[in-house]
Amino acid sequence: MGDGFRSSPETLRTEGKSFSEIGRDFYQATNRLRSGLAAQGDGGGGGGQPPKDMSVGGFVEDAWKGMTSFADKQGTPPWGDDELGEKFGVVYEGLRDGMTDSMDHLATKLNEIGKALERMAKNHEENEEFNEALVKEQTPENQFGGDIRSFKSLGPSGPAGSSST
């Protein structure tokens, strides 16, 4: 038979703190990712701009600006605002939002696991202290009311006798 159930409250407490730290670090990393993506303009749109000049002069001017500057792209998401860019944006933003929401949820759950492990360590220590106190309270003399008898093996004529200890 095995050694039975063994636990280490100190290990539970240490690992609980580690889980909580991982949850906190993961949450901070999620916020840094969200900020980094926002800094790249991944959530913006190109709306609100006046219609472009579609004359030949306007076309040449736009082409020249496009080769030399990004000034006319202010407020446009990195993937563009044309038909394909809009379709990409819908898919991308849905996946991005789902991912960051699930990352926040995971960070919360990691922290909850850490706190639960710390509570488990505390509860186990309290349980062990309680059990030790119960064991110390019980002594062989008073465990069964004080009178302990042992019986010798039965022979062919009945009990050989009993003795009180």
C-alpha atoms as a PDB file:
ATOM      1  CA  MET A   1       0.000   0.000   0.000  1.00  0.00           C
ATOM      2  CA  GLY A   2       1.228   3.531  -0.706  1.00  0.00           C
ATOM      3  CA  ASP A   3       2.231   6.224   1.694  1.00  0.00           C
ATOM      4  CA  GLY A   4      -1.197   7.827   1.522  1.00  0.00           C
ATOM      5  CA  PHE A   5      -2.136  11.338   0.598  1.00  0.00           C
ATOM      6  CA  ARG A   6       0.539  13.939   1.164  1.00  0.00           C
ATOM      7  CA  SER A   7       0.318  17.618   0.544  1.00  0.00           C
ATOM      8  CA  SER A   8       2.568  20.538   1.122  1.00  0.00           C
ATOM      9  CA  PRO A   9       0.768  23.717   2.142  1.00  0.00           C
ATOM     10  CA  GLU A  10       3.909  25.726   1.469  1.00  0.00           C
ATOM     11  CA  THR A  11       4.088  24.382  -2.101  1.00  0.00           C
ATOM     12  CA  LEU A  12       0.389  25.115  -2.623  1.00  0.00           C
ATOM     13  CA  ARG A  13       0.904  28.648  -1.333  1.00  0.00           C
ATOM     14  CA  THR A  14       3.995  29.225  -3.515  1.00  0.00           C
ATOM     15  CA  GLU A  15       2.338  27.858  -6.649  1.00  0.00           C
ATOM     16  CA  GLY A  16      -0.787  29.870  -5.884  1.00  0.00           C
ATOM     17  CA  LYS A  17       1.267  33.060  -5.802  1.00  0.00           C
ATOM     18  CA  SER A  18       2.940  31.994  -9.057  1.00  0.00           C
ATOM     19  CA  PHE A  19      -0.432  31.472 -10.770  1.00  0.00           C
ATOM     20  CA  SER A  20      -1.606  34.895  -9.581  1.00  0.00           C
ATOM     21  CA  GLU A  21       1.583  36.518 -10.879  1.00  0.00           C
ATOM     22  CA  ILE A  22       1.203  34.744 -14.235  1.00  0.00           C
ATOM     23  CA  GLY A  23      -2.386  35.992 -14.445  1.00  0.00           C
ATOM     24  CA  ARG A  24      -1.299  39.549 -13.660  1.00  0.00           C
ATOM     25  CA  ASP A  25       1.578  39.412 -16.176  1.00  0.00           C
ATOM     26  CA  PHE A  26      -0.700  37.938 -18.834  1.00  0.00           C
ATOM     27  CA  TYR A  27      -3.256  40.696 -18.244  1.00  0.00           C
ATOM     28  CA  GLN A  28      -0.544  43.355 -18.573  1.00  0.00           C
ATOM     29  CA  ALA A  29       0.738  41.715 -21.782  1.00  0.00           C
ATOM     30  CA  THR A  30      -2.816  41.751 -23.161  1.00  0.00           C
ATOM     31  CA  ASN A  31      -3.070  45.473 -22.432  1.00  0.00           C
ATOM     32  CA  ARG A  32       0.319  46.108 -24.093  1.00  0.00           C
ATOM     33  CA  LEU A  33      -0.850  44.159 -27.161  1.00  0.00           C
ATOM     34  CA  ARG A  34      -4.100  46.118 -27.275  1.00  0.00           C
ATOM     35  CA  SER A  35      -2.211  49.425 -26.961  1.00  0.00           C
ATOM     36  CA  GLY A  36       0.317  48.400 -29.598  1.00  0.00           C
ATOM     37  CA  LEU A  37      -2.402  47.459 -32.057  1.00  0.00           C
ATOM     38  CA  ALA A  38      -4.239  50.712 -31.392  1.00  0.00           C
ATOM     39  CA  ALA A  39      -0.997  52.645 -31.958  1.00  0.00           C
ATOM     40  CA  GLN A  40      -0.763  50.982 -35.380  1.00  0.00           C
ATOM     41  CA  GLY A  41      -4.231  52.289 -36.178  1.00  0.00           C
ATOM     42  CA  ASP A  42      -5.878  48.900 -36.414  1.00  0.00           C
ATOM     43  CA  GLY A  43      -9.244  50.125 -35.171  1.00  0.00           C
ATOM     44  CA  GLY A  44      -9.635  53.327 -37.169  1.00  0.00           C
ATOM     45  CA  GLY A  45     -11.728  53.940 -40.226  1.00  0.00           C
ATOM     46  CA  GLY A  46     -11.287  56.142 -43.246  1.00  0.00           C
ATOM     47  CA  GLY A  47     -14.692  57.832 -43.028  1.00  0.00           C
ATOM     48  CA  GLY A  48     -15.379  61.524 -42.582  1.00  0.00           C
ATOM     49  CA  GLN A  49     -13.120  62.691 -45.411  1.00  0.00           C
ATOM     50  CA  PRO A  50     -14.420  64.916 -48.215  1.00  0.00           C
ATOM     51  CA  PRO A  51     -14.714  63.324 -51.661  1.00  0.00           C
ATOM     52  CA  LYS A  52     -11.450  63.282 -53.594  1.00  0.00           C
ATOM     53  CA  ASP A  53     -10.860  65.397 -56.700  1.00  0.00           C
ATOM     54  CA  MET A  54     -11.279  62.930 -59.582  1.00  0.00           C
ATOM     55  CA  SER A  55      -9.867  65.240 -62.306  1.00  0.00           C
ATOM     56  CA  VAL A  56      -6.629  64.368 -64.095  1.00  0.00           C
ATOM     57  CA  GLY A  57      -4.773  66.992 -62.056  1.00  0.00           C
ATOM     58  CA  GLY A  58      -6.230  65.563 -58.827  1.00  0.00           C
ATOM     59  CA  PHE A  59      -5.300  62.043 -59.904  1.00  0.00           C
ATOM     60  CA  VAL A  60      -1.687  63.042 -60.637  1.00  0.00           C
ATOM     61  CA  GLU A  61      -1.497  64.957 -57.371  1.00  0.00           C
ATOM     62  CA  ASP A  62      -2.852  61.947 -55.417  1.00  0.00           C
ATOM     63  CA  ALA A  63      -0.430  59.607 -57.163  1.00  0.00           C
ATOM     64  CA  TRP A  64       2.495  61.883 -56.304  1.00  0.00           C
ATOM     65  CA  LYS A  65       1.357  62.170 -52.655  1.00  0.00           C
ATOM     66  CA  GLY A  66       0.984  58.400 -52.508  1.00  0.00           C
ATOM     67  CA  MET A  67       4.583  57.930 -53.601  1.00  0.00           C
ATOM     68  CA  THR A  68       6.041  60.574 -51.305  1.00  0.00           C
ATOM     69  CA  SER A  69       3.792  60.765 -48.226  1.00  0.00           C
ATOM     70  CA  PHE A  70       1.299  58.987 -46.036  1.00  0.00           C
ATOM     71  CA  ALA A  71      -0.502  62.248 -45.160  1.00  0.00           C
ATOM     72  CA  ASP A  72      -3.615  61.355 -47.168  1.00  0.00           C
ATOM     73  CA  LYS A  73      -3.921  58.049 -45.305  1.00  0.00           C
ATOM     74  CA  GLN A  74      -4.593  59.576 -41.867  1.00  0.00           C
ATOM     75  CA  GLY A  75      -7.452  57.729 -40.157  1.00  0.00           C
ATOM     76  CA  THR A  76      -7.313  54.834 -42.615  1.00  0.00           C
ATOM     77  CA  PRO A  77      -6.696  51.403 -41.100  1.00  0.00           C
ATOM     78  CA  PRO A  78      -3.404  49.743 -42.077  1.00  0.00           C
ATOM     79  CA  TRP A  79      -5.214  47.319 -44.394  1.00  0.00           C
ATOM     80  CA  GLY A  80      -6.819  50.135 -46.369  1.00  0.00           C
ATOM     81  CA  ASP A  81     -10.372  51.299 -46.831  1.00  0.00           C
ATOM     82  CA  ASP A  82     -11.134  49.817 -50.242  1.00  0.00           C
ATOM     83  CA  GLU A  83     -13.624  46.952 -50.652  1.00  0.00           C
ATOM     84  CA  LEU A  84     -11.061  44.234 -49.904  1.00  0.00           C
ATOM     85  CA  GLY A  85      -9.653  46.232 -46.980  1.00  0.00           C
ATOM     86  CA  GLU A  86     -13.105  46.647 -45.476  1.00  0.00           C
ATOM     87  CA  LYS A  87     -13.770  42.899 -45.716  1.00  0.00           C
ATOM     88  CA  PHE A  88     -10.402  42.145 -44.169  1.00  0.00           C
ATOM     89  CA  GLY A  89     -11.120  44.680 -41.411  1.00  0.00           C
ATOM     90  CA  VAL A  90     -14.419  43.045 -40.472  1.00  0.00           C
ATOM     91  CA  VAL A  91     -12.756  39.630 -40.110  1.00  0.00           C
ATOM     92  CA  TYR A  92      -9.640  41.003 -38.424  1.00  0.00           C
ATOM     93  CA  GLU A  93     -11.509  43.133 -35.897  1.00  0.00           C
ATOM     94  CA  GLY A  94     -13.808  40.242 -34.975  1.00  0.00           C
ATOM     95  CA  LEU A  95     -10.854  37.923 -34.394  1.00  0.00           C
ATOM     96  CA  ARG A  96      -8.881  40.621 -32.569  1.00  0.00           C
ATOM     97  CA  ASP A  97     -11.760  41.431 -30.230  1.00  0.00           C
ATOM     98  CA  GLY A  98     -12.485  37.756 -29.559  1.00  0.00           C
ATOM     99  CA  MET A  99      -8.807  37.097 -28.862  1.00  0.00           C
ATOM    100  CA  THR A 100      -8.338  40.011 -26.473  1.00  0.00           C
ATOM    101  CA  ASP A 101     -11.585  39.176 -24.655  1.00  0.00           C
ATOM    102  CA  SER A 102     -10.497  35.558 -24.211  1.00  0.00           C
ATOM    103  CA  MET A 103      -7.036  36.687 -23.093  1.00  0.00           C
ATOM    104  CA  ASP A 104      -8.628  38.890 -20.421  1.00  0.00           C
ATOM    105  CA  HIS A 105     -10.773  35.938 -19.337  1.00  0.00           C
ATOM    106  CA  LEU A 106      -7.732  33.638 -19.166  1.00  0.00           C
ATOM    107  CA  ALA A 107      -5.810  36.174 -17.076  1.00  0.00           C
ATOM    108  CA  THR A 108      -8.747  36.391 -14.656  1.00  0.00           C
ATOM    109  CA  LYS A 109      -8.998  32.595 -14.380  1.00  0.00           C
ATOM    110  CA  LEU A 110      -5.247  32.202 -13.774  1.00  0.00           C
ATOM    111  CA  ASN A 111      -5.521  34.697 -10.927  1.00  0.00           C
ATOM    112  CA  GLU A 112      -8.565  32.854  -9.518  1.00  0.00           C
ATOM    113  CA  ILE A 113      -6.661  29.533  -9.618  1.00  0.00           C
ATOM    114  CA  GLY A 114      -3.795  31.155  -7.738  1.00  0.00           C
ATOM    115  CA  LYS A 115      -6.075  32.503  -5.029  1.00  0.00           C
ATOM    116  CA  ALA A 116      -7.812  29.111  -4.738  1.00  0.00           C
ATOM    117  CA  LEU A 117      -4.465  27.332  -4.264  1.00  0.00           C
ATOM    118  CA  GLU A 118      -3.538  29.799  -1.531  1.00  0.00           C
ATOM    119  CA  ARG A 119      -6.892  29.192   0.215  1.00  0.00           C
ATOM    120  CA  MET A 120      -6.356  25.439  -0.170  1.00  0.00           C
ATOM    121  CA  ALA A 121      -2.984  25.731   1.604  1.00  0.00           C
ATOM    122  CA  LYS A 122      -4.539  27.703   4.454  1.00  0.00           C
ATOM    123  CA  ASN A 123      -7.455  25.269   4.789  1.00  0.00           C
ATOM    124  CA  HIS A 124      -5.135  22.253   4.745  1.00  0.00           C
ATOM    125  CA  GLU A 125      -2.964  23.729   7.504  1.00  0.00           C
ATOM    126  CA  GLU A 126      -6.024  24.482   9.628  1.00  0.00           C
ATOM    127  CA  ASN A 127      -7.347  20.948   9.046  1.00  0.00           C
ATOM    128  CA  GLU A 128      -4.025  19.385  10.052  1.00  0.00           C
ATOM    129  CA  GLU A 129      -3.855  21.501  13.213  1.00  0.00           C
ATOM    130  CA  PHE A 130      -7.408  20.477  14.113  1.00  0.00           C
ATOM    131  CA  ASN A 131      -6.678  16.770  13.539  1.00  0.00           C
ATOM    132  CA  GLU A 132      -3.477  16.934  15.590  1.00  0.00           C
ATOM    133  CA  ALA A 133      -5.399  18.519  18.461  1.00  0.00           C
ATOM    134  CA  LEU A 134      -7.983  15.728  18.307  1.00  0.00           C
ATOM    135  CA  VAL A 135      -5.322  13.035  18.333  1.00  0.00           C
ATOM    136  CA  LYS A 136      -3.577  14.619  21.330  1.00  0.00           C
ATOM    137  CA  GLU A 137      -6.906  14.710  23.160  1.00  0.00           C
ATOM    138  CA  GLN A 138      -7.407  10.959  22.794  1.00  0.00           C
ATOM    139  CA  THR A 139      -5.296   8.585  24.907  1.00  0.00           C
ATOM    140  CA  PRO A 140      -5.645   4.795  25.015  1.00  0.00           C
ATOM    141  CA  GLU A 141      -6.804   4.905  28.647  1.00  0.00           C
ATOM    142  CA  ASN A 142      -9.853   7.045  28.099  1.00  0.00           C
ATOM    143  CA  GLN A 143     -10.627   6.342  24.454  1.00  0.00           C
ATOM    144  CA  PHE A 144     -13.226   3.650  25.287  1.00  0.00           C
ATOM    145  CA  GLY A 145     -14.291   4.756  28.748  1.00  0.00           C
ATOM    146  CA  GLY A 146     -11.188   3.624  30.614  1.00  0.00           C
ATOM    147  CA  ASP A 147     -11.658  -0.186  30.952  1.00  0.00           C
ATOM    148  CA  ILE A 148      -9.647  -2.083  28.365  1.00  0.00           C
ATOM    149  CA  ARG A 149      -9.803  -5.888  28.332  1.00  0.00           C
ATOM    150  CA  SER A 150      -7.868  -8.297  26.216  1.00  0.00           C
ATOM    151  CA  PHE A 151      -9.130 -11.775  25.530  1.00  0.00           C
ATOM    152  CA  LYS A 152      -6.899 -14.815  25.278  1.00  0.00           C
ATOM    153  CA  SER A 153      -7.587 -17.338  22.584  1.00  0.00           C
ATOM    154  CA  LEU A 154     -10.460 -19.702  23.140  1.00  0.00           C
ATOM    155  CA  GLY A 155      -9.482 -23.237  23.952  1.00  0.00           C
ATOM    156  CA  PRO A 156     -11.612 -26.422  23.681  1.00  0.00           C
ATOM    157  CA  SER A 157     -13.241 -25.732  27.039  1.00  0.00           C
ATOM    158  CA  GLY A 158     -14.091 -22.073  26.469  1.00  0.00           C
ATOM    159  CA  PRO A 159     -12.376 -18.868  27.376  1.00  0.00           C
ATOM    160  CA  ALA A 160      -9.149 -19.348  29.190  1.00  0.00           C
ATOM    161  CA  GLY A 161      -9.846 -16.180  30.998  1.00  0.00           C
ATOM    162  CA  SER A 162      -9.578 -12.538  30.503  1.00  0.00           C
ATOM    163  CA  SER A 163      -7.443 -10.045  32.176  1.00  0.00           C
ATOM    164  CA  SER A 164      -7.849  -6.440  32.804  1.00  0.00           C
ATOM    165  CA  THR A 165      -4.996  -4.117  32.058  1.00  0.00           C
END
